Protein backbone atom coordinates (compact mmCIF):
# COMPACT_ATOMS: atom_id res chain seq x y z
CA UNK A 1 -5.83 -6.03 -38.07
CA UNK A 2 -6.28 -9.51 -36.37
CA UNK A 3 -3.31 -8.71 -34.36
CA UNK A 4 -4.61 -5.49 -33.02
CA UNK A 5 -7.77 -6.83 -32.19
CA UNK A 6 -6.17 -9.41 -29.97
CA UNK A 7 -3.99 -6.91 -28.31
CA UNK A 8 -7.39 -4.37 -27.46
CA UNK A 9 -9.12 -7.38 -25.96
CA UNK A 10 -6.15 -8.53 -23.79
CA UNK A 11 -5.85 -5.08 -22.44
CA UNK A 12 -9.47 -4.57 -21.84
CA UNK A 13 -9.65 -7.90 -19.79
CA UNK A 14 -6.82 -6.69 -17.75
CA UNK A 15 -4.04 -9.54 -19.71
CA UNK A 16 -1.26 -6.71 -20.32
CA UNK A 17 1.49 -9.05 -18.72
CA UNK A 18 0.35 -11.91 -21.19
CA UNK A 19 0.71 -9.33 -23.97
CA UNK A 20 4.08 -8.66 -23.20
CA UNK A 21 5.00 -12.28 -22.84
CA UNK A 22 3.94 -12.85 -26.39
CA UNK A 23 5.61 -9.92 -27.58
CA UNK A 24 8.84 -11.10 -25.85
CA UNK A 25 8.41 -14.94 -26.95
CA UNK A 26 8.23 -13.40 -30.90
CA UNK A 27 11.03 -11.30 -30.52
CA UNK A 28 13.14 -14.18 -28.83
CA UNK A 29 12.17 -16.47 -31.59
CA UNK A 30 13.30 -14.14 -34.05
CA UNK A 31 16.26 -13.42 -32.76
CA UNK A 32 17.17 -17.01 -32.55
CA UNK A 33 16.28 -17.15 -36.22
CA UNK A 34 18.62 -14.39 -37.39
CA UNK A 35 21.40 -15.69 -35.01
CA UNK A 36 21.21 -19.00 -36.92
CA UNK A 37 21.66 -17.38 -40.17
CA UNK A 38 24.54 -15.27 -38.86
CA UNK A 39 22.78 -11.95 -39.11
CA UNK A 40 24.89 -10.27 -35.80
CA UNK A 41 22.96 -7.09 -36.45
CA UNK A 42 19.26 -8.26 -36.65
CA UNK A 43 19.65 -10.73 -33.70
CA UNK A 44 20.94 -8.03 -31.46
CA UNK A 45 17.90 -5.83 -32.52
CA UNK A 46 15.37 -8.67 -31.64
CA UNK A 47 17.28 -9.58 -28.50
CA UNK A 48 16.67 -5.97 -27.28
CA UNK A 49 13.50 -5.72 -28.20
CA UNK A 50 12.63 -8.91 -26.32
CA UNK A 51 14.38 -7.66 -23.22
CA UNK A 52 12.29 -4.59 -23.51
CA UNK A 53 9.14 -6.51 -23.64
CA UNK A 54 10.34 -8.31 -20.72
CA UNK A 55 11.15 -5.41 -18.61
CA UNK A 56 7.48 -4.13 -19.39
CA UNK A 57 6.06 -7.56 -18.27
CA UNK A 58 7.88 -7.23 -15.04
CA UNK A 59 6.95 -3.82 -13.96
CA UNK A 60 3.38 -4.73 -15.26
CA UNK A 61 3.30 -7.62 -12.85
CA UNK A 62 4.73 -5.68 -9.91
CA UNK A 63 1.94 -3.30 -9.99
CA UNK A 64 -0.50 -5.98 -10.44
CA UNK A 65 1.07 -7.78 -7.45
CA UNK A 66 0.89 -4.60 -5.04
CA UNK A 67 -2.90 -3.70 -6.20
CA UNK A 68 -4.02 -7.12 -5.27
CA UNK A 69 -1.89 -8.91 -2.60
CA UNK A 70 -0.95 -5.77 -0.46
CA UNK A 71 -4.73 -4.65 0.31
CA UNK A 72 -5.27 -8.52 1.04
CA UNK A 73 -2.78 -8.98 3.54
CA UNK A 74 -3.37 -5.88 5.45
CA UNK A 75 -7.27 -6.78 5.29
CA UNK A 76 -6.73 -10.38 6.52
CA UNK A 77 -4.47 -9.35 9.45
CA UNK A 78 -6.95 -7.14 10.36
CA UNK A 79 -9.71 -9.63 10.53
CA UNK A 80 -7.29 -11.89 13.00
CA UNK A 81 -6.76 -9.02 15.28
CA UNK A 82 -10.72 -8.35 15.49
CA UNK A 83 -11.71 -12.31 15.46
CA UNK A 84 -8.95 -13.99 17.44
CA UNK A 85 -11.45 -16.96 17.94
CA UNK A 86 -15.00 -17.74 16.08
CA UNK A 87 -17.47 -19.83 17.35
CA UNK A 88 -18.99 -20.13 13.91
CA UNK A 89 -16.47 -21.17 11.96
CA UNK A 90 -14.20 -22.88 14.41
CA UNK A 91 -10.51 -22.62 14.58
CA UNK A 92 -9.34 -23.76 11.08
CA UNK A 93 -10.46 -20.55 9.57
CA UNK A 94 -7.92 -18.55 11.56
CA UNK A 95 -5.41 -20.81 9.83
CA UNK A 96 -6.79 -20.30 6.10
CA UNK A 97 -6.38 -16.33 7.04
CA UNK A 98 -3.07 -16.85 8.34
CA UNK A 99 -1.84 -18.87 5.26
CA UNK A 100 -3.32 -16.45 3.16
CA UNK A 101 -1.13 -13.85 4.73
CA UNK A 102 1.76 -15.79 4.30
CA UNK A 103 1.08 -16.10 0.92
CA UNK A 104 0.32 -12.46 0.12
CA UNK A 105 3.40 -11.82 2.10
CA UNK A 106 5.55 -13.81 0.00
CA UNK A 107 4.05 -12.89 -3.16
CA UNK A 108 4.77 -8.99 -2.39
CA UNK A 109 8.31 -9.72 -1.34
CA UNK A 110 9.14 -11.82 -4.52
CA UNK A 111 7.22 -9.37 -6.75
CA UNK A 112 9.86 -6.88 -5.99
CA UNK A 113 12.83 -9.30 -6.06
CA UNK A 114 11.66 -10.43 -9.51
CA UNK A 115 11.75 -6.73 -10.69
CA UNK A 116 14.91 -5.94 -9.22
CA UNK A 117 16.34 -9.00 -10.88
CA UNK A 118 14.69 -8.64 -13.97
CA UNK A 119 15.59 -4.90 -14.44
CA UNK A 120 19.19 -5.90 -14.34
CA UNK A 121 18.84 -9.23 -16.75
CA UNK A 122 17.10 -6.95 -19.08
CA UNK A 123 19.91 -4.24 -19.09
CA UNK A 124 22.72 -5.52 -20.96
CA UNK A 125 25.36 -2.92 -19.33
CA UNK A 126 24.46 -4.38 -16.00
CA UNK A 127 25.47 -7.46 -14.08
CA UNK A 128 22.62 -9.99 -12.61
CA UNK A 129 22.02 -10.25 -9.56
CA UNK A 130 23.42 -14.10 -7.91
CA UNK A 131 21.24 -17.04 -6.46
CA UNK A 132 22.56 -15.95 -3.11
CA UNK A 133 22.10 -12.24 -3.76
CA UNK A 134 18.47 -13.01 -4.99
CA UNK A 135 17.86 -15.17 -1.84
CA UNK A 136 18.81 -12.60 0.42
CA UNK A 137 17.34 -9.63 -1.23
CA UNK A 138 13.94 -11.62 -1.15
CA UNK A 139 14.38 -12.04 2.73
CA UNK A 140 15.56 -8.22 3.22
CA UNK A 141 12.01 -7.40 1.31
CA UNK A 142 9.83 -10.13 3.18
CA UNK A 143 11.03 -8.59 6.45
CA UNK A 144 10.74 -4.91 5.24
CA UNK A 145 7.22 -5.38 3.86
CA UNK A 146 6.21 -7.63 6.65
CA UNK A 147 7.26 -4.77 9.42
CA UNK A 148 5.28 -2.06 7.44
CA UNK A 149 2.01 -4.34 7.18
CA UNK A 150 2.15 -5.04 10.97
CA UNK A 151 2.41 -1.48 12.09
CA UNK A 152 -0.37 -0.38 9.56
CA UNK A 153 -2.32 -3.10 10.75
CA UNK A 154 -1.94 -2.44 14.78
CA UNK A 155 -2.62 1.09 14.04
CA UNK A 156 -5.93 -0.21 12.25
CA UNK A 157 -6.73 -2.28 14.95
CA UNK A 158 -7.42 1.08 17.16
CA UNK A 159 -8.06 3.61 14.63
CA UNK A 160 -9.64 2.01 11.60
CA UNK A 161 -11.10 4.95 9.64
CA UNK A 162 -7.75 6.92 10.03
CA UNK A 163 -5.77 4.22 8.62
CA UNK A 164 -7.04 5.72 5.07
CA UNK A 165 -5.58 9.22 6.28
CA UNK A 166 -2.19 7.53 6.76
CA UNK A 167 -2.06 5.74 3.54
CA UNK A 168 -3.19 8.61 1.51
CA UNK A 169 -0.92 11.22 3.16
CA UNK A 170 2.10 8.73 2.44
CA UNK A 171 0.83 8.52 -1.10
CA UNK A 172 0.46 12.32 -1.62
CA UNK A 173 4.07 12.73 -0.18
CA UNK A 174 5.67 10.04 -2.22
CA UNK A 175 4.14 11.59 -5.43
CA UNK A 176 5.32 15.12 -4.65
CA UNK A 177 8.80 13.50 -4.15
CA UNK A 178 8.64 11.73 -7.31
CA UNK A 179 7.57 14.51 -9.17
CA UNK A 180 10.12 16.82 -7.45
CA UNK A 181 13.00 14.58 -8.53
CA UNK A 182 11.50 14.36 -12.17
CA UNK A 183 12.26 10.41 -11.77
CA UNK A 184 9.77 9.34 -14.36
CA UNK A 185 10.52 11.81 -16.94
CA UNK A 186 13.04 9.50 -18.88
CA UNK A 187 9.82 6.95 -19.15
CA UNK A 188 6.85 9.54 -20.13
CA UNK A 189 7.56 12.11 -22.89
CA UNK A 190 4.35 14.09 -21.45
CA UNK A 191 3.73 15.44 -17.92
CA UNK A 192 0.34 13.75 -18.10
CA UNK A 193 1.88 10.46 -18.25
CA UNK A 194 4.68 11.20 -15.87
CA UNK A 195 2.04 12.05 -13.03
CA UNK A 196 -0.23 9.19 -13.58
CA UNK A 197 2.74 6.42 -13.36
CA UNK A 198 3.74 8.71 -10.21
CA UNK A 199 0.33 7.98 -8.73
CA UNK A 200 0.56 4.55 -9.42
CA UNK A 201 4.15 4.07 -7.98
CA UNK A 202 3.03 6.14 -5.06
CA UNK A 203 0.85 3.60 -4.14
CA UNK A 204 3.23 0.79 -4.38
CA UNK A 205 5.65 3.27 -1.94
CA UNK A 206 2.98 2.80 0.58
CA UNK A 207 4.54 -0.52 1.39
CA UNK A 208 8.06 -0.68 -0.20
CA UNK A 209 10.37 1.21 -2.35
CA UNK A 210 11.59 0.41 -5.69
CA UNK A 211 14.29 2.09 -7.52
CA UNK A 212 12.38 4.59 -10.03
CA UNK A 213 15.31 5.40 -11.96
CA UNK A 214 19.00 4.20 -13.10
CA UNK A 215 20.83 6.16 -10.56
CA UNK A 216 22.54 5.74 -7.06
CA UNK A 217 20.05 4.51 -4.56
CA UNK A 218 21.57 5.31 -1.20
CA UNK A 219 19.99 8.78 -0.40
CA UNK A 220 16.54 7.60 -1.77
CA UNK A 221 16.46 4.41 0.63
CA UNK A 222 17.73 7.00 3.26
CA UNK A 223 14.76 9.33 2.95
CA UNK A 224 12.57 6.41 2.06
CA UNK A 225 13.17 4.42 5.20
CA UNK A 226 13.36 7.70 7.40
CA UNK A 227 9.55 8.40 6.28
CA UNK A 228 8.40 5.02 6.88
CA UNK A 229 10.37 4.01 9.88
CA UNK A 230 9.01 7.87 11.27
CA UNK A 231 5.27 6.97 10.15
CA UNK A 232 5.51 3.34 11.98
CA UNK A 233 6.75 4.75 15.16
CA UNK A 234 4.27 7.31 15.39
CA UNK A 235 1.50 4.45 14.35
CA UNK A 236 3.04 1.98 17.02
CA UNK A 237 2.93 4.65 19.67
CA UNK A 238 -0.64 5.79 19.43
CA UNK A 239 -1.55 2.26 19.42
CA UNK A 240 0.40 1.46 22.72
CA UNK A 241 -1.19 4.38 24.28
CA UNK A 242 -4.79 4.03 23.30
CA UNK A 243 -5.20 0.14 23.36
CA UNK A 244 -6.31 -1.76 26.18
CA UNK A 245 -2.91 -3.40 27.35
CA UNK A 246 -5.15 -6.63 28.05
CA UNK A 247 -5.27 -7.01 24.40
CA UNK A 248 -3.86 -10.33 23.16
CA UNK A 249 -1.92 -8.39 20.45
CA UNK A 250 -0.84 -5.57 22.66
CA UNK A 251 2.84 -6.54 23.48
CA UNK A 252 3.33 -9.28 20.90
CA UNK A 253 2.28 -7.38 17.99
CA UNK A 254 4.64 -4.43 18.70
CA UNK A 255 7.72 -7.11 19.50
CA UNK A 256 6.96 -8.66 15.94
CA UNK A 257 7.11 -5.27 14.30
CA UNK A 258 10.54 -4.28 15.84
CA UNK A 259 11.91 -7.73 14.83
CA UNK A 260 10.91 -7.62 11.40
CA UNK A 261 11.84 -4.06 10.97
CA UNK A 262 15.54 -5.03 12.13
CA UNK A 263 15.73 -7.95 10.56
CA UNK A 264 14.74 -6.07 6.94
CA UNK A 265 17.54 -3.47 7.92
CA UNK A 266 20.17 -6.20 8.69
CA UNK A 267 19.58 -8.25 5.26
CA UNK A 268 19.35 -4.82 3.29
CA UNK A 269 22.99 -3.97 4.69
CA UNK A 270 24.09 -7.57 3.98
CA UNK A 271 22.97 -7.50 0.42
CA UNK A 272 24.22 -4.18 -0.38
CA UNK A 273 27.61 -4.78 1.53
CA UNK A 274 28.38 -8.22 0.37
CA UNK A 275 26.11 -9.45 -2.48
CA UNK A 276 25.45 -6.41 -4.74
CA UNK A 277 26.07 -6.65 -8.48
CA UNK A 278 28.45 -3.64 -8.09
CA UNK A 279 30.21 -5.25 -5.03
CA UNK A 280 33.73 -6.66 -6.93
CA UNK A 281 34.07 -10.10 -5.48
CA UNK A 282 30.26 -10.53 -6.42
CA UNK A 283 30.04 -9.37 -9.87
CA UNK A 284 32.82 -11.56 -11.93
CA UNK A 285 30.65 -14.78 -12.55
CA UNK A 286 27.55 -12.64 -13.44
CA UNK A 287 29.59 -10.28 -15.76
CA UNK A 288 30.67 -13.38 -17.28
CA UNK A 289 27.24 -14.94 -17.96
CA UNK A 290 26.12 -11.79 -19.43
CA UNK A 291 28.87 -11.31 -21.74
CA UNK A 292 28.04 -15.11 -22.85
CA UNK A 293 24.42 -14.23 -23.25
CA UNK A 294 25.10 -11.06 -25.16
CA UNK A 295 27.53 -12.79 -27.66
CA UNK A 296 24.81 -15.71 -28.46
């Protein structure tokens, strides 16, 4: 009874990830206990439960990250475009806002990277991502998310209220895309749960794509980046047409966007061609490591 009271309290106060980590720790301790006893069957059972809890915690942290950090970085950059110099607060406030933007962007990129790395670590049938692969994956997401945020901020600087139209339209399109592919049917047994999770994941897709199902991702990435690239191009074009060329970020903002977008594509190509765990020369050591962990 006491255990369920604690669980309810943690859920009410939005501390679901902590609950998952506690459960993961509990199952990990039980797994080690049975390992020392030589009970292979029970050890594997609790080890699998530990991985499931760890996977759920990573998923919850990812959603929390995008619900908090993503709107913050857009808002902070928008404020910088509207008030580049403030007599009231002086120059220091700009550095504080810029630092907040950088930390939020790093948080978003690491959230996606940790999700990708964690989803493989918690799956005994998949090879882990190497340290170098993790670094390149992190850079890919920094630049791709940075490009998306830059396009949204430039558009918002000229068409403030219409940004919500763009975001809601993209959100609805992503929900329809997820529902049409039944991507989450394996996660949710009921249609209501599948619809709700599609709505939540669709909000994350406003900024970045994360794989929703264990299947080949090439076609999904092509579709997602085509949609986002087209949206970004339209927003940048409208910004250039309707914004005063004397605006201090008129050229620099667009240049930054294209640099970030191209760098994101370069690091994505580098990751999938050389460092992805399925690449033969990249997965040998990770496969050996996974085998050793699984045998313990």
